Protein backbone atom coordinates (compact mmCIF):
# COMPACT_ATOMS: atom_id res chain seq x y z
CA MET A 1 63.00 114.07 103.70
CA ARG A 2 65.78 114.30 106.72
CA ALA A 3 69.62 113.80 105.90
CA PRO A 4 69.55 110.07 106.24
CA ASP A 5 66.51 109.34 104.34
CA HIS A 6 68.26 111.43 101.36
CA LEU A 7 71.12 109.82 101.68
CA ASN A 8 69.34 106.21 101.21
CA ALA A 9 67.28 107.76 98.48
CA LEU A 10 70.05 109.33 96.56
CA ARG A 11 71.69 105.60 96.83
CA ALA A 12 68.59 104.20 95.43
CA VAL A 13 68.51 106.65 92.50
CA GLU A 14 72.35 106.40 91.53
CA ALA A 15 71.39 102.33 91.30
CA ALA A 16 68.28 102.54 90.04
CA ALA A 17 70.15 105.21 87.09
CA ARG A 18 72.99 102.73 86.73
CA HIS A 19 70.95 99.55 86.12
CA GLY A 20 68.24 101.27 84.28
CA SER A 21 65.88 99.41 86.46
CA PHE A 22 64.53 99.54 90.07
CA VAL A 23 64.13 95.74 90.53
CA LEU A 24 67.91 95.37 89.87
CA ALA A 25 68.76 97.83 91.68
CA ALA A 26 66.74 96.79 94.86
CA GLN A 27 68.46 93.41 94.38
CA GLU A 28 71.89 95.29 94.66
CA LEU A 29 70.65 97.26 97.97
CA ASN A 30 69.32 94.25 99.46
CA VAL A 31 65.75 95.84 99.72
CA THR A 32 62.44 95.59 97.65
CA PRO A 33 61.42 97.42 93.98
CA ALA A 34 58.81 98.75 96.05
CA ALA A 35 61.29 100.32 98.33
CA ILE A 36 63.24 101.72 95.54
CA GLY A 37 60.40 102.99 94.37
CA GLN A 38 59.17 105.14 97.67
CA LEU A 39 62.27 106.44 98.35
CA VAL A 40 62.57 107.79 94.35
CA ARG A 41 59.04 108.97 95.03
CA ARG A 42 59.85 110.75 98.50
CA LEU A 43 63.01 112.41 96.97
CA GLU A 44 60.96 113.38 94.00
CA GLU A 45 58.59 115.42 96.12
CA SER A 46 61.11 116.81 98.31
CA LEU A 47 62.77 118.42 95.37
CA GLY A 48 59.81 119.18 93.22
CA ILE A 49 61.08 117.54 89.91
CA GLU A 50 60.85 114.10 88.22
CA LEU A 51 63.72 112.14 87.92
CA PHE A 52 62.74 109.17 86.12
CA HIS A 53 60.47 108.90 82.90
CA ARG A 54 58.78 106.01 83.98
CA ALA A 55 56.13 105.64 81.32
CA GLN A 56 58.47 106.12 78.23
CA ALA A 57 60.58 103.14 78.87
CA GLY A 58 57.98 100.58 79.98
CA PRO A 59 57.30 98.39 83.11
CA ALA A 60 60.76 96.76 83.35
CA ARG A 61 63.09 99.52 82.61
CA ILE A 62 63.11 103.19 83.75
CA VAL A 63 65.18 106.55 81.97
CA LEU A 64 66.95 109.31 83.48
CA THR A 65 65.11 112.80 83.13
CA ALA A 66 67.53 115.53 81.12
CA ALA A 67 68.07 116.92 85.13
CA ALA A 68 68.70 113.64 86.86
CA GLY A 69 71.23 112.74 84.20
CA ALA A 70 73.33 115.68 84.36
CA ALA A 71 73.32 115.47 88.36
CA LEU A 72 74.04 111.86 88.33
CA PRO A 73 78.02 112.24 87.63
CA GLU A 74 78.32 114.12 90.61
CA LEU A 75 76.04 112.02 92.42
CA GLN A 76 78.51 108.92 91.71
CA ALA A 77 81.51 111.16 92.45
CA GLY A 78 79.93 111.76 95.52
CA PHE A 79 79.81 108.00 96.63
CA ARG A 80 83.32 107.45 95.65
CA HIS A 81 84.10 109.80 98.07
CA LEU A 82 81.91 108.56 100.31
CA ALA A 83 83.70 105.09 100.33
CA ALA A 84 86.95 106.21 99.98
CA ALA A 85 86.22 107.90 103.32
CA MET A 86 84.95 105.12 105.11
CA GLU A 87 87.72 102.80 103.83
CA ARG A 88 90.36 105.35 105.53
CA LEU A 89 88.46 105.38 108.30
CA ARG A 90 88.30 101.76 108.94
CA ARG A 91 92.38 101.60 108.33
CA ALA A 92 92.68 104.30 110.75
CA ARG A 93 90.95 101.62 113.56
CA THR A 94 92.48 98.58 112.40
CA ARG A 95 95.93 99.91 110.77
CA GLN A 96 98.71 96.82 111.27
CA ALA A 97 100.45 97.01 108.04
CA LEU A 98 101.70 99.47 106.15
CA ALA A 99 102.05 98.25 102.37
CA VAL A 100 104.98 99.46 100.28
CA THR A 101 105.88 99.17 96.69
CA VAL A 102 109.37 100.05 95.48
CA SER A 103 112.08 98.66 93.06
CA THR A 104 113.94 95.63 93.52
CA ALA A 105 117.24 97.10 93.15
CA PHE A 106 116.51 99.87 95.63
CA ALA A 107 114.85 97.35 97.86
CA ASP A 108 118.05 95.13 97.32
CA LYS A 109 120.52 97.92 97.61
CA TRP A 110 119.44 100.31 100.12
CA LEU A 111 116.03 99.59 101.43
CA LEU A 112 115.93 96.45 103.30
CA HIS A 113 118.72 96.25 105.26
CA ARG A 114 118.03 99.41 107.00
CA LEU A 115 114.36 98.13 107.94
CA GLY A 116 115.09 97.01 111.41
CA GLY A 117 115.65 100.65 112.35
CA PHE A 118 111.60 101.66 111.72
CA ARG A 119 110.57 98.36 113.56
CA ALA A 120 112.49 99.63 116.12
CA ARG A 121 110.63 103.33 116.02
CA HIS A 122 107.51 101.73 115.04
CA PRO A 123 107.13 97.62 116.66
CA ASP A 124 103.43 97.69 115.89
CA CYS A 125 103.81 98.44 112.74
CA GLU A 126 103.76 95.34 110.14
CA LEU A 127 105.80 96.13 106.87
CA ARG A 128 104.55 94.59 103.47
CA ILE A 129 107.12 95.06 100.70
CA ASP A 130 106.07 94.44 97.27
CA THR A 131 109.31 94.66 94.89
CA ASN A 132 108.37 95.72 91.42
CA THR A 133 109.71 96.90 88.38
CA ALA A 134 106.86 98.29 87.01
CA LEU A 135 104.66 101.13 88.40
CA VAL A 136 102.01 100.03 90.45
CA ASP A 137 98.91 101.69 90.00
CA PHE A 138 97.69 103.14 93.50
CA ALA A 139 93.69 103.08 92.26
CA ARG A 140 93.71 99.31 91.68
CA GLU A 141 96.55 98.20 94.14
CA ALA A 142 95.99 97.45 97.87
CA VAL A 143 98.99 99.60 98.14
CA ASP A 144 99.79 102.32 100.93
CA VAL A 145 103.05 103.96 99.74
CA GLY A 146 105.80 103.93 96.82
CA ILE A 147 109.62 104.84 96.58
CA ARG A 148 109.59 105.95 93.16
CA TYR A 149 112.88 107.39 91.15
CA GLY A 150 112.14 110.13 88.85
CA ALA A 151 111.45 114.07 88.40
CA GLY A 152 108.61 113.69 90.68
CA ARG A 153 105.81 113.87 88.34
CA TRP A 154 103.51 110.95 89.00
CA PRO A 155 99.63 112.11 88.17
CA GLY A 156 97.14 111.86 91.18
CA LEU A 157 100.09 111.28 93.60
CA VAL A 158 101.93 113.35 96.15
CA ALA A 159 105.87 113.14 95.61
CA VAL A 160 107.96 114.39 98.17
CA PRO A 161 112.24 113.61 97.18
CA PHE A 162 113.99 112.17 100.09
CA ALA A 163 117.63 111.17 98.56
CA THR A 164 119.57 111.87 95.29
CA ASP A 165 122.30 109.98 93.37
CA ALA A 166 125.89 111.00 91.98
CA PHE A 167 126.70 108.76 89.18
CA PHE A 168 130.62 107.54 89.00
CA PRO A 169 132.56 104.49 87.34
CA VAL A 170 132.66 101.51 89.81
CA CYS A 171 134.52 98.19 89.06
CA SER A 172 135.80 95.02 91.13
CA PRO A 173 138.92 95.38 93.19
CA SER A 174 140.27 93.04 90.95
CA LEU A 175 140.51 95.26 88.11
CA LEU A 176 143.26 97.52 89.59
CA ARG A 177 145.26 94.24 88.85
CA GLY A 178 145.94 92.22 85.50
CA GLN A 179 147.32 93.48 82.58
CA HIS A 180 145.69 95.72 82.04
CA PRO A 181 144.73 98.03 85.40
CA LEU A 182 142.41 101.13 86.01
CA ARG A 183 144.49 103.91 86.66
CA GLY A 184 142.54 106.68 84.98
CA PRO A 185 139.60 107.30 82.13
CA GLY A 186 141.76 105.93 79.28
CA ASP A 187 141.79 102.41 80.74
CA LEU A 188 138.56 102.05 80.18
CA ARG A 189 139.16 100.96 76.44
CA HIS A 190 140.37 97.84 78.07
CA HIS A 191 137.55 96.95 80.20
CA GLN A 192 133.85 95.69 79.30
CA LEU A 193 131.33 98.60 80.34
CA ILE A 194 127.97 97.66 81.69
CA HIS A 195 124.69 99.56 81.02
CA ASP A 196 122.46 100.10 83.19
CA THR A 197 119.11 100.37 80.60
CA SER A 198 116.61 100.46 83.33
CA MET A 199 115.40 104.14 82.59
CA ALA A 200 116.60 104.30 79.23
CA ALA A 201 113.31 106.36 78.33
CA THR A 202 114.35 109.00 80.81
CA PRO A 203 116.70 111.36 79.39
CA GLU A 204 117.68 112.83 82.55
CA PHE A 205 119.09 109.38 83.54
CA ARG A 206 123.02 109.54 83.18
CA THR A 207 124.68 107.17 80.96
CA TRP A 208 128.34 106.35 79.83
CA ARG A 209 127.90 108.39 76.91
CA ASP A 210 127.50 111.45 79.41
CA TRP A 211 130.50 110.19 81.72
CA HIS A 212 132.76 110.30 78.26
CA ALA A 213 131.78 113.40 77.46
CA ALA A 214 132.39 114.97 81.10
CA ALA A 215 135.87 112.88 81.00
CA GLY A 216 136.95 114.19 78.26
CA LEU A 217 136.68 111.14 76.00
CA ASP A 218 135.08 110.26 72.89
CA PRO A 219 131.51 109.82 73.32
CA LYS A 220 131.99 106.89 70.38
CA GLY A 221 133.60 104.65 72.83
CA SER A 222 130.42 104.82 75.15
CA GLU A 223 128.22 102.78 73.26
CA ARG A 224 129.92 99.26 73.55
CA GLY A 225 129.77 96.65 76.19
CA ILE A 226 126.67 94.97 78.03
CA GLN A 227 123.10 96.12 78.18
CA VAL A 228 121.53 94.92 81.79
CA ASN A 229 117.86 96.48 82.17
CA ASP A 230 118.16 95.71 86.07
CA SER A 231 120.74 97.89 88.49
CA ALA A 232 121.31 95.11 91.20
CA ALA A 233 121.91 92.76 88.28
CA ALA A 234 124.35 94.83 86.70
CA TYR A 235 126.29 95.77 89.50
CA ARG A 236 126.34 91.75 90.08
CA MET A 237 128.28 91.69 87.06
CA VAL A 238 130.60 93.99 88.12
CA MET A 239 131.54 92.43 91.07
CA THR A 240 132.73 89.72 89.61
CA GLY A 241 135.28 91.69 87.56
CA GLY A 242 132.34 91.20 84.18
CA GLY A 243 133.20 95.08 83.60
CA VAL A 244 132.62 98.65 84.29
CA ALA A 245 129.08 100.08 85.67
CA LEU A 246 128.13 103.73 86.37
CA GLY A 247 127.70 103.55 89.82
CA ARG A 248 124.75 105.36 91.66
CA THR A 249 125.33 106.78 95.43
CA THR A 250 122.31 105.22 96.76
CA LEU A 251 122.80 102.03 95.07
CA VAL A 252 126.49 101.18 95.65
CA GLU A 253 127.29 102.79 99.36
CA GLN A 254 127.07 99.22 100.80
CA ASP A 255 129.20 97.62 98.23
CA LEU A 256 131.64 100.46 98.57
CA ALA A 257 131.66 100.26 102.29
CA GLU A 258 132.24 96.64 102.33
CA GLY A 259 134.56 96.04 99.80
CA ARG A 260 132.84 94.86 96.95
CA LEU A 261 133.11 97.42 94.80
CA ILE A 262 135.47 100.60 94.67
CA ARG A 263 135.57 104.01 92.68
CA PRO A 264 138.56 103.59 90.69
CA PHE A 265 138.68 107.64 89.67
CA GLY A 266 136.10 110.00 88.16
CA PRO A 267 134.76 112.35 87.69
CA GLU A 268 131.14 112.18 89.21
CA LEU A 269 127.91 112.86 87.43
CA GLU A 270 125.05 114.71 88.91
CA CYS A 271 121.76 114.23 88.16
CA PRO A 272 118.20 115.99 88.58
CA LEU A 273 116.42 112.94 89.32
CA ALA A 274 115.78 111.63 92.93
CA TYR A 275 113.54 109.16 94.94
CA HIS A 276 110.30 110.38 95.65
CA VAL A 277 108.20 108.88 98.68
CA VAL A 278 104.60 108.50 96.74
CA CYS A 279 101.01 108.12 97.81
CA ARG A 280 97.91 109.52 97.22
CA PRO A 281 96.56 112.81 98.18
CA GLN A 282 93.98 111.60 100.70
CA ASP A 283 96.77 109.26 102.57
CA ALA A 284 98.79 112.46 103.04
CA GLU A 285 98.66 112.73 106.53
CA ASP A 286 97.86 109.11 107.77
CA PRO A 287 99.86 109.16 110.66
CA VAL A 288 101.94 105.47 109.74
CA ILE A 289 102.42 106.84 106.42
CA VAL A 290 103.60 110.19 107.51
CA ALA A 291 106.12 108.21 110.04
CA PHE A 292 107.51 105.93 107.31
CA TRP A 293 108.22 109.17 105.10
CA ASP A 294 109.66 111.04 108.20
CA TRP A 295 111.90 107.58 108.53
CA LEU A 296 113.05 107.81 105.09
CA MET A 297 113.95 111.46 105.55
CA ILE A 298 115.94 110.55 108.21
CA GLU A 299 118.12 107.63 106.70
CA ALA A 300 118.64 109.12 104.00
CA GLY A 301 120.33 112.12 105.67
CA SER A 302 122.26 110.31 107.74
CA ALA A 303 123.76 108.00 104.73
CA ALA A 304 124.08 111.59 102.98
CA SER A 305 126.79 112.60 106.11
CA ARG A 306 128.49 109.70 105.85
């Protein structure tokens, strides 16, 4: 059998094995049951082995032999890889959009107001931004690139860090005035602490307890206040004078620059977590993804140098 015939025959075997029927396999592949049977027989003759126990199963059903059953998982994996390769080739030919998944807070506070720079560099690329607090399943969702914050361990994905955060107190300028102005760490006892719990399950994420310890304050005083499970929402509350939060470099830089927030005092805490750009391993060399990747690196480097 020639290579194309082998491929057609293998496809017939896989479909017949999955359905347990030549008739159902024929319906899926849009051919006749006789054509399926002929392809299977020709492959059996070429290989010199039997692939199905036809007589044991009766006229309506077929059963794989032991040899065919052992090879079936690799055969099915091969067809999945072929399908993925074809999809990648189609995207390479027709790519007009890049689907990016990103947390709401990072999109709001860092990414969206910078996208004009990417559009200027790549005017033909249409961006589709999906803001989501949950991690998107790349195996199921139509997404090309993700921006994630963490330690860089996401199974099945390539992850490269591009930005890190330091943590420090931030507040509204109005809290520098009034009955209990914020002048030093000890003054926090007069003000509400706002806790960002968006990554409460990640031990490396810095908290008010960590900051109190670094500032020489009693950690017992770090537990009071309001818990908010969205970083951007926590900072909006701070801007209204509702309390003091731990700012993260990437998420508060614009609000600090424009005067909506201030840093009343230190210390500043480093954090081992980082923002990563992630994608499927097979997409790591896609030219559009690489372009977005490079742009993120440049933007993060420019922000860090200011």
